[in-house]
C-alpha atoms as a PDB file:
ATOM      1  CA  MET A   1     137.848 156.234   7.907  1.00  0.00           C
ATOM      2  CA  VAL A   2     135.264 154.313   9.946  1.00  0.00           C
ATOM      3  CA  ASN A   3     133.181 153.807   6.808  1.00  0.00           C
ATOM      4  CA  ILE A   4     136.204 152.314   5.044  1.00  0.00           C
ATOM      5  CA  LEU A   5     136.758 149.938   7.946  1.00  0.00           C
ATOM      6  CA  ARG A   6     133.166 148.731   7.813  1.00  0.00           C
ATOM      7  CA  ILE A   7     133.091 147.729   4.151  1.00  0.00           C
ATOM      8  CA  LYS A   8     131.626 144.238   4.070  1.00  0.00           C
ATOM      9  CA  THR A   9     134.128 142.571   1.774  1.00  0.00           C
ATOM     10  CA  ILE A  10     137.795 141.900   1.422  1.00  0.00           C
ATOM     11  CA  GLY A  11     138.079 145.679   1.138  1.00  0.00           C
ATOM     12  CA  VAL A  12     137.797 145.609   4.938  1.00  0.00           C
ATOM     13  CA  ILE A  13     141.176 143.953   4.971  1.00  0.00           C
ATOM     14  CA  CYS A  14     142.502 146.805   2.879  1.00  0.00           C
ATOM     15  CA  ALA A  15     141.401 149.311   5.485  1.00  0.00           C
ATOM     16  CA  ILE A  16     142.770 147.252   8.349  1.00  0.00           C
ATOM     17  CA  ILE A  17     146.140 147.078   6.649  1.00  0.00           C
ATOM     18  CA  PHE A  18     146.356 150.875   6.125  1.00  0.00           C
ATOM     19  CA  LEU A  19     149.696 151.108   7.821  1.00  0.00           C
ATOM     20  CA  ALA A  20     152.285 153.334   6.321  1.00  0.00           C
ATOM     21  CA  SER A  21     155.359 155.548   6.506  1.00  0.00           C
ATOM     22  CA  CYS A  22     158.277 157.265   4.855  1.00  0.00           C
ATOM     23  CA  ALA A  23     160.893 156.068   7.361  1.00  0.00           C
ATOM     24  CA  SER A  24     164.316 154.774   6.417  1.00  0.00           C
ATOM     25  CA  LYS A  25     164.489 151.247   5.003  1.00  0.00           C
ATOM     26  CA  LYS A  26     166.578 148.321   6.130  1.00  0.00           C
ATOM     27  CA  LYS A  27     168.952 146.802   3.627  1.00  0.00           C
ATOM     28  CA  ALA A  28     167.081 144.280   1.499  1.00  0.00           C
ATOM     29  CA  VAL A  29     168.473 140.870   0.668  1.00  0.00           C
ATOM     30  CA  ALA A  30     166.853 138.848  -2.104  1.00  0.00           C
ATOM     31  CA  PRO A  31     165.185 135.605  -0.983  1.00  0.00           C
ATOM     32  CA  PRO A  32     167.410 132.580  -1.520  1.00  0.00           C
ATOM     33  CA  ILE A  33     166.625 129.773  -3.936  1.00  0.00           C
ATOM     34  CA  VAL A  34     164.880 127.010  -2.041  1.00  0.00           C
ATOM     35  CA  LYS A  35     165.507 123.346  -2.727  1.00  0.00           C
ATOM     36  CA  ILE A  36     162.720 121.073  -1.593  1.00  0.00           C
ATOM     37  CA  GLU A  37     162.900 117.339  -1.041  1.00  0.00           C
ATOM     38  CA  VAL A  38     159.649 115.553  -0.371  1.00  0.00           C
ATOM     39  CA  ASP A  39     159.797 112.208   1.409  1.00  0.00           C
ATOM     40  CA  SER A  40     159.739 109.559  -1.317  1.00  0.00           C
ATOM     41  CA  ALA A  41     157.308 107.558   0.820  1.00  0.00           C
ATOM     42  CA  ILE A  42     154.679 110.249   0.187  1.00  0.00           C
ATOM     43  CA  HIS A  43     153.175 109.294  -3.177  1.00  0.00           C
ATOM     44  CA  ASN A  44     150.675 112.157  -3.337  1.00  0.00           C
ATOM     45  CA  PRO A  45     152.099 115.039  -1.300  1.00  0.00           C
ATOM     46  CA  THR A  46     149.576 117.586  -0.074  1.00  0.00           C
ATOM     47  CA  ALA A  47     150.060 121.328  -0.092  1.00  0.00           C
ATOM     48  CA  SER A  48     150.898 121.034   3.587  1.00  0.00           C
ATOM     49  CA  ASP A  49     153.593 118.419   2.908  1.00  0.00           C
ATOM     50  CA  ILE A  50     155.349 120.625   0.359  1.00  0.00           C
ATOM     51  CA  LEU A  51     154.871 124.119   1.746  1.00  0.00           C
ATOM     52  CA  SER A  52     154.693 123.789   5.532  1.00  0.00           C
ATOM     53  CA  PHE A  53     158.422 124.389   5.914  1.00  0.00           C
ATOM     54  CA  THR A  54     158.007 127.878   4.437  1.00  0.00           C
ATOM     55  CA  LEU A  55     155.858 129.000   7.385  1.00  0.00           C
ATOM     56  CA  LYS A  56     158.525 130.423   9.667  1.00  0.00           C
ATOM     57  CA  PRO A  57     157.540 130.754  13.342  1.00  0.00           C
ATOM     58  CA  TRP A  58     157.153 134.283  14.652  1.00  0.00           C
ATOM     59  CA  THR A  59     155.729 136.036  17.697  1.00  0.00           C
ATOM     60  CA  TYR A  60     156.050 139.784  17.062  1.00  0.00           C
ATOM     61  CA  PHE A  61     155.953 141.839  13.859  1.00  0.00           C
ATOM     62  CA  SER A  62     156.316 145.557  13.244  1.00  0.00           C
ATOM     63  CA  SER A  63     156.601 147.690  10.134  1.00  0.00           C
ATOM     64  CA  LYS A  64     156.170 151.121   8.619  1.00  0.00           C
ATOM     65  CA  VAL A  65     154.430 151.441   5.284  1.00  0.00           C
ATOM     66  CA  ASP A  66     153.280 153.981   2.711  1.00  0.00           C
ATOM     67  CA  PHE A  67     149.791 153.310   1.442  1.00  0.00           C
ATOM     68  CA  GLU A  68     147.509 154.587  -1.277  1.00  0.00           C
ATOM     69  CA  PHE A  69     143.795 153.737  -1.410  1.00  0.00           C
ATOM     70  CA  ARG A  70     141.803 154.280  -4.636  1.00  0.00           C
ATOM     71  CA  GLN A  71     138.215 153.755  -5.756  1.00  0.00           C
ATOM     72  CA  ASP A  72     136.816 153.661  -9.275  1.00  0.00           C
ATOM     73  CA  ASP A  73     134.842 156.860  -8.578  1.00  0.00           C
ATOM     74  CA  GLY A  74     138.157 158.713  -8.476  1.00  0.00           C
ATOM     75  CA  LYS A  75     138.435 158.875  -4.694  1.00  0.00           C
ATOM     76  CA  LYS A  76     142.055 158.625  -3.547  1.00  0.00           C
ATOM     77  CA  ILE A  77     143.577 158.566  -0.063  1.00  0.00           C
ATOM     78  CA  ASN A  78     147.267 158.637   0.862  1.00  0.00           C
ATOM     79  CA  ALA A  79     148.390 158.171   4.442  1.00  0.00           C
ATOM     80  CA  ASN A  80     151.264 157.033   6.620  1.00  0.00           C
ATOM     81  CA  GLY A  81     151.656 155.204   9.904  1.00  0.00           C
ATOM     82  CA  SER A  82     152.842 151.932  11.400  1.00  0.00           C
ATOM     83  CA  ILE A  83     151.646 148.489  12.410  1.00  0.00           C
ATOM     84  CA  ARG A  84     152.463 146.081  15.201  1.00  0.00           C
ATOM     85  CA  MET A  85     151.263 142.509  15.589  1.00  0.00           C
ATOM     86  CA  TYR A  86     151.321 139.809  18.247  1.00  0.00           C
ATOM     87  CA  LYS A  87     150.742 136.458  16.590  1.00  0.00           C
ATOM     88  CA  ASP A  88     147.154 135.195  16.664  1.00  0.00           C
ATOM     89  CA  SER A  89     146.171 137.846  19.213  1.00  0.00           C
ATOM     90  CA  LEU A  90     146.661 141.532  18.400  1.00  0.00           C
ATOM     91  CA  ILE A  91     146.937 143.947  15.477  1.00  0.00           C
ATOM     92  CA  TRP A  92     147.792 147.563  16.370  1.00  0.00           C
ATOM     93  CA  VAL A  93     147.699 150.341  13.792  1.00  0.00           C
ATOM     94  CA  SER A  94     148.656 153.992  13.962  1.00  0.00           C
ATOM     95  CA  ALA A  95     147.740 156.022  10.876  1.00  0.00           C
ATOM     96  CA  GLY A  96     147.780 159.655   9.841  1.00  0.00           C
ATOM     97  CA  MET A  97     149.140 162.215   7.423  1.00  0.00           C
ATOM     98  CA  PHE A  98     152.087 164.613   7.382  1.00  0.00           C
ATOM     99  CA  GLY A  99     153.530 163.036  10.518  1.00  0.00           C
ATOM    100  CA  ILE A 100     150.354 163.692  12.549  1.00  0.00           C
ATOM    101  CA  GLU A 101     148.629 160.627  14.041  1.00  0.00           C
ATOM    102  CA  GLY A 102     144.935 160.740  13.199  1.00  0.00           C
ATOM    103  CA  TYR A 103     143.771 157.252  14.124  1.00  0.00           C
ATOM    104  CA  ARG A 104     144.876 154.480  16.422  1.00  0.00           C
ATOM    105  CA  ILE A 105     143.305 151.052  16.085  1.00  0.00           C
ATOM    106  CA  LEU A 106     143.601 147.895  18.162  1.00  0.00           C
ATOM    107  CA  ILE A 107     142.154 144.633  16.853  1.00  0.00           C
ATOM    108  CA  ASN A 108     141.964 141.622  19.146  1.00  0.00           C
ATOM    109  CA  LYS A 109     140.023 138.376  19.044  1.00  0.00           C
ATOM    110  CA  ASP A 110     136.847 139.979  20.390  1.00  0.00           C
ATOM    111  CA  SER A 111     136.826 143.668  19.546  1.00  0.00           C
ATOM    112  CA  VAL A 112     138.099 146.486  17.352  1.00  0.00           C
ATOM    113  CA  ILE A 113     138.863 149.768  19.141  1.00  0.00           C
ATOM    114  CA  ILE A 114     139.142 152.862  16.941  1.00  0.00           C
ATOM    115  CA  LEU A 115     140.449 156.130  18.387  1.00  0.00           C
ATOM    116  CA  ASN A 116     139.863 159.249  16.296  1.00  0.00           C
ATOM    117  CA  LYS A 117     142.570 161.446  17.793  1.00  0.00           C
ATOM    118  CA  LEU A 118     141.698 164.433  15.615  1.00  0.00           C
ATOM    119  CA  GLU A 119     138.084 164.642  16.790  1.00  0.00           C
ATOM    120  CA  LYS A 120     138.741 163.064  20.217  1.00  0.00           C
ATOM    121  CA  LYS A 121     136.188 160.334  19.637  1.00  0.00           C
ATOM    122  CA  TYR A 122     136.232 156.549  19.842  1.00  0.00           C
ATOM    123  CA  ASN A 123     134.252 153.540  18.749  1.00  0.00           C
ATOM    124  CA  ILE A 124     134.290 149.854  19.607  1.00  0.00           C
ATOM    125  CA  TYR A 125     133.103 147.093  17.270  1.00  0.00           C
ATOM    126  CA  LYS A 126     132.949 143.357  17.577  1.00  0.00           C
ATOM    127  CA  THR A 127     135.704 141.655  15.612  1.00  0.00           C
ATOM    128  CA  SER A 128     132.986 139.440  14.090  1.00  0.00           C
ATOM    129  CA  GLU A 129     131.676 142.492  12.198  1.00  0.00           C
ATOM    130  CA  PHE A 130     134.744 142.397   9.947  1.00  0.00           C
ATOM    131  CA  LYS A 131     133.739 139.900   7.308  1.00  0.00           C
ATOM    132  CA  GLY A 132     134.985 138.519   4.040  1.00  0.00           C
ATOM    133  CA  LEU A 133     133.218 137.610   0.831  1.00  0.00           C
ATOM    134  CA  SER A 134     131.101 134.854   2.378  1.00  0.00           C
ATOM    135  CA  ASP A 135     129.798 136.672   5.487  1.00  0.00           C
ATOM    136  CA  VAL A 136     132.223 134.591   7.554  1.00  0.00           C
ATOM    137  CA  PRO A 137     134.043 136.766  10.124  1.00  0.00           C
ATOM    138  CA  LEU A 138     137.740 137.283   9.491  1.00  0.00           C
ATOM    139  CA  THR A 139     139.886 136.249  12.425  1.00  0.00           C
ATOM    140  CA  VAL A 140     142.943 138.077  13.697  1.00  0.00           C
ATOM    141  CA  THR A 141     145.065 135.181  12.457  1.00  0.00           C
ATOM    142  CA  GLN A 142     143.635 135.372   8.921  1.00  0.00           C
ATOM    143  CA  ILE A 143     144.235 139.117   8.709  1.00  0.00           C
ATOM    144  CA  GLN A 144     147.809 138.619   9.926  1.00  0.00           C
ATOM    145  CA  ASN A 145     148.361 135.912   7.312  1.00  0.00           C
ATOM    146  CA  ILE A 146     147.287 138.322   4.585  1.00  0.00           C
ATOM    147  CA  ILE A 147     149.699 140.971   5.848  1.00  0.00           C
ATOM    148  CA  ILE A 148     152.746 138.691   5.993  1.00  0.00           C
ATOM    149  CA  ALA A 149     151.895 136.738   2.803  1.00  0.00           C
ATOM    150  CA  ASN A 150     150.960 133.408   4.349  1.00  0.00           C
ATOM    151  CA  PRO A 151     148.039 131.193   3.256  1.00  0.00           C
ATOM    152  CA  ILE A 152     144.830 132.610   4.750  1.00  0.00           C
ATOM    153  CA  TYR A 153     143.717 129.232   6.097  1.00  0.00           C
ATOM    154  CA  ALA A 154     145.643 126.244   7.436  1.00  0.00           C
ATOM    155  CA  LEU A 155     147.674 124.568   4.705  1.00  0.00           C
ATOM    156  CA  LYS A 156     146.106 121.183   5.386  1.00  0.00           C
ATOM    157  CA  LEU A 157     142.855 122.518   3.887  1.00  0.00           C
ATOM    158  CA  TYR A 158     144.436 123.248   0.482  1.00  0.00           C
ATOM    159  CA  ASN A 159     145.078 121.010  -2.511  1.00  0.00           C
ATOM    160  CA  ILE A 160     147.707 121.436  -5.205  1.00  0.00           C
ATOM    161  CA  VAL A 161     145.945 122.290  -8.466  1.00  0.00           C
ATOM    162  CA  MET A 162     148.958 123.141 -10.635  1.00  0.00           C
ATOM    163  CA  GLN A 163     152.712 122.668 -10.464  1.00  0.00           C
ATOM    164  CA  ASN A 164     155.542 123.217 -12.923  1.00  0.00           C
ATOM    165  CA  ASP A 165     159.181 124.279 -12.863  1.00  0.00           C
ATOM    166  CA  ALA A 166     158.307 127.911 -12.115  1.00  0.00           C
ATOM    167  CA  GLN A 167     155.079 127.883 -10.140  1.00  0.00           C
ATOM    168  CA  ILE A 168     152.888 125.972  -7.734  1.00  0.00           C
ATOM    169  CA  SER A 169     149.231 126.801  -7.095  1.00  0.00           C
ATOM    170  CA  ILE A 170     147.093 125.653  -4.187  1.00  0.00           C
ATOM    171  CA  GLN A 171     143.347 125.967  -3.722  1.00  0.00           C
ATOM    172  CA  TYR A 172     140.787 125.692  -0.939  1.00  0.00           C
ATOM    173  CA  PRO A 173     137.295 125.479  -2.504  1.00  0.00           C
ATOM    174  CA  GLN A 174     134.323 126.075  -0.229  1.00  0.00           C
ATOM    175  CA  ALA A 175     130.567 126.193  -0.768  1.00  0.00           C
ATOM    176  CA  LYS A 176     130.310 129.978  -1.012  1.00  0.00           C
ATOM    177  CA  TYR A 177     133.762 131.034  -2.179  1.00  0.00           C
ATOM    178  CA  ASN A 178     137.152 129.810  -3.295  1.00  0.00           C
ATOM    179  CA  THR A 179     140.577 130.733  -1.932  1.00  0.00           C
ATOM    180  CA  SER A 180     143.765 130.132  -3.901  1.00  0.00           C
ATOM    181  CA  HIS A 181     147.444 131.055  -3.693  1.00  0.00           C
ATOM    182  CA  SER A 182     150.166 131.049  -6.336  1.00  0.00           C
ATOM    183  CA  TYR A 183     153.758 130.386  -5.238  1.00  0.00           C
ATOM    184  CA  LYS A 184     157.010 131.163  -7.004  1.00  0.00           C
ATOM    185  CA  LYS A 185     158.730 127.775  -7.210  1.00  0.00           C
ATOM    186  CA  GLN A 186     162.269 129.173  -6.932  1.00  0.00           C
ATOM    187  CA  SER A 187     161.816 130.776  -3.498  1.00  0.00           C
ATOM    188  CA  TYR A 188     158.446 129.316  -2.390  1.00  0.00           C
ATOM    189  CA  THR A 189     157.017 132.770  -1.745  1.00  0.00           C
ATOM    190  CA  ILE A 190     153.400 133.701  -2.524  1.00  0.00           C
ATOM    191  CA  ASP A 191     153.049 135.822  -5.663  1.00  0.00           C
ATOM    192  CA  SER A 192     149.285 136.239  -5.433  1.00  0.00           C
ATOM    193  CA  SER A 193     146.233 135.288  -3.413  1.00  0.00           C
ATOM    194  CA  ASN A 194     142.685 135.197  -4.776  1.00  0.00           C
ATOM    195  CA  LEU A 195     139.315 135.117  -3.046  1.00  0.00           C
ATOM    196  CA  VAL A 196     136.373 134.599  -5.402  1.00  0.00           C
ATOM    197  CA  ASP A 197     132.707 134.545  -4.480  1.00  0.00           C
ATOM    198  CA  ASN A 198     131.003 131.597  -6.196  1.00  0.00           C
ATOM    199  CA  SER A 199     127.567 133.229  -6.420  1.00  0.00           C
ATOM    200  CA  ASN A 200     128.335 136.774  -7.653  1.00  0.00           C
ATOM    201  CA  PRO A 201     131.150 138.873  -9.192  1.00  0.00           C
ATOM    202  CA  ASN A 202     132.704 139.805  -5.817  1.00  0.00           C
ATOM    203  CA  PHE A 203     136.413 139.055  -5.628  1.00  0.00           C
ATOM    204  CA  ALA A 204     139.719 140.144  -4.156  1.00  0.00           C
ATOM    205  CA  LYS A 205     143.194 139.694  -5.588  1.00  0.00           C
ATOM    206  CA  ILE A 206     146.293 140.307  -3.512  1.00  0.00           C
ATOM    207  CA  THR A 207     149.620 140.589  -5.332  1.00  0.00           C
ATOM    208  CA  TYR A 208     152.908 140.395  -3.420  1.00  0.00           C
ATOM    209  CA  SER A 209     156.277 141.516  -4.816  1.00  0.00           C
ATOM    210  CA  GLU A 210     159.726 142.916  -4.001  1.00  0.00           C
ATOM    211  CA  TYR A 211     160.468 140.204  -1.451  1.00  0.00           C
ATOM    212  CA  ALA A 212     163.415 140.616   0.889  1.00  0.00           C
ATOM    213  CA  VAL A 213     164.745 138.759   3.934  1.00  0.00           C
ATOM    214  CA  PHE A 214     164.170 140.240   7.386  1.00  0.00           C
ATOM    215  CA  ASN A 215     165.168 138.253  10.492  1.00  0.00           C
ATOM    216  CA  ASN A 216     165.224 135.089   8.337  1.00  0.00           C
ATOM    217  CA  HIS A 217     161.693 135.771   7.043  1.00  0.00           C
ATOM    218  CA  ASN A 218     160.893 136.282   3.367  1.00  0.00           C
ATOM    219  CA  PHE A 219     158.610 139.309   3.342  1.00  0.00           C
ATOM    220  CA  PRO A 220     157.042 141.231   0.397  1.00  0.00           C
ATOM    221  CA  THR A 221     157.866 144.923   0.729  1.00  0.00           C
ATOM    222  CA  PHE A 222     155.152 145.800  -1.800  1.00  0.00           C
ATOM    223  CA  THR A 223     151.533 144.584  -1.723  1.00  0.00           C
ATOM    224  CA  SER A 224     148.664 145.460  -4.047  1.00  0.00           C
ATOM    225  CA  ILE A 225     145.076 144.562  -3.151  1.00  0.00           C
ATOM    226  CA  GLN A 226     142.325 144.837  -5.750  1.00  0.00           C
ATOM    227  CA  SER A 227     138.723 144.073  -4.840  1.00  0.00           C
ATOM    228  CA  LYS A 228     135.234 144.308  -6.277  1.00  0.00           C
ATOM    229  CA  PHE A 229     132.095 144.413  -4.134  1.00  0.00           C
ATOM    230  CA  ASN A 230     128.619 145.452  -5.266  1.00  0.00           C
ATOM    231  CA  ASN A 231     130.095 146.575  -8.596  1.00  0.00           C
ATOM    232  CA  LYS A 232     132.499 148.949  -6.836  1.00  0.00           C
ATOM    233  CA  ASN A 233     136.210 148.531  -7.463  1.00  0.00           C
ATOM    234  CA  THR A 234     138.863 149.475  -4.922  1.00  0.00           C
ATOM    235  CA  GLU A 235     142.624 149.197  -4.901  1.00  0.00           C
ATOM    236  CA  LEU A 236     145.139 149.500  -2.087  1.00  0.00           C
ATOM    237  CA  GLU A 237     148.906 149.686  -2.533  1.00  0.00           C
ATOM    238  CA  LEU A 238     151.271 149.291   0.408  1.00  0.00           C
ATOM    239  CA  LYS A 239     155.007 149.875   0.508  1.00  0.00           C
ATOM    240  CA  TYR A 240     156.578 148.505   3.681  1.00  0.00           C
ATOM    241  CA  SER A 241     159.820 149.521   5.380  1.00  0.00           C
ATOM    242  CA  ASP A 242     161.597 148.864   8.700  1.00  0.00           C
ATOM    243  CA  ILE A 243     160.265 145.297   8.900  1.00  0.00           C
ATOM    244  CA  ASP A 244     161.080 143.585  12.200  1.00  0.00           C
ATOM    245  CA  PHE A 245     160.106 140.096  13.420  1.00  0.00           C
ATOM    246  CA  GLU A 246     162.176 140.094  16.628  1.00  0.00           C
ATOM    247  CA  THR A 247     161.639 143.145  18.810  1.00  0.00           C
ATOM    248  CA  LEU A 248     159.359 142.792  21.843  1.00  0.00           C
ATOM    249  CA  LEU A 249     156.438 145.195  21.363  1.00  0.00           C
ATOM    250  CA  SER A 250     153.830 147.051  23.359  1.00  0.00           C
ATOM    251  CA  PHE A 251     150.313 147.830  22.096  1.00  0.00           C
ATOM    252  CA  PRO A 252     149.142 151.091  23.736  1.00  0.00           C
ATOM    253  CA  CYS A 253     145.489 151.912  23.082  1.00  0.00           C
ATOM    254  CA  ILE A 254     143.857 153.554  26.099  1.00  0.00           C
ATOM    255  CA  ILE A 255     140.635 155.501  25.578  1.00  0.00           C
ATOM    256  CA  PRO A 256     141.108 158.914  27.249  1.00  0.00           C
ATOM    257  CA  SER A 257     138.299 159.949  29.595  1.00  0.00           C
ATOM    258  CA  SER A 258     137.838 163.133  27.558  1.00  0.00           C
ATOM    259  CA  TYR A 259     136.942 161.190  24.370  1.00  0.00           C
ATOM    260  CA  GLU A 260     133.300 160.839  23.339  1.00  0.00           C
ATOM    261  CA  LYS A 261     131.819 157.751  21.744  1.00  0.00           C
ATOM    262  CA  ALA A 262     131.225 158.316  18.017  1.00  0.00           C
ATOM    263  CA  ASN A 263     127.726 157.931  16.618  1.00  0.00           C
END
């Protein structure tokens, strides 16, 4: 599990999101059709002008999810657990199999604490060790944006590169890699996100589907993440349930005195 978490690519995100469960689901309501009216005084609206209203404010998030992780060498992992988040600050994950918690993880702005409850061991990493395709550390906020299907970076950094009656695409090109998002025009929800390395074949594609409304938030109950790094392909599928954007949460992650530090 630790090796999965340390993959130096967008696959790291896959491991961080390994949150899952078979719990009962809340009733899903399809996202409503969104009508957008841009101020006529804005002759060349930016991505931020058009899409900023879709970024609903939130403070807490919790969910249960089933996940399946696959590699092109045939390796396959299924697990279950849950996730909690405090906006821009904390990501808490409990993961295991057959109802038994195996790992507990707490990610904050400075560190990543991993408790191996099966072997009674722990490890602590710097958050800066979790990096994307360009060796730029992923922040807690960026990881949270990926989980809840928001643009990875601030909208003001993106430009609209394509727009028609069905779709709108935005892009944030950088020196080492390019980030883009495709929106469904009817509901203004992200269908897919792409991160492409400009100097090699490394990439990650995140596909969001089965959106439903929870606490006035459009949220994709199914996410698929495909990535390629050093000619190795990985895929992660997540099926969320019990999504909640309102309940006040705690984030317990105390290292017991009996635990040993992992090598």
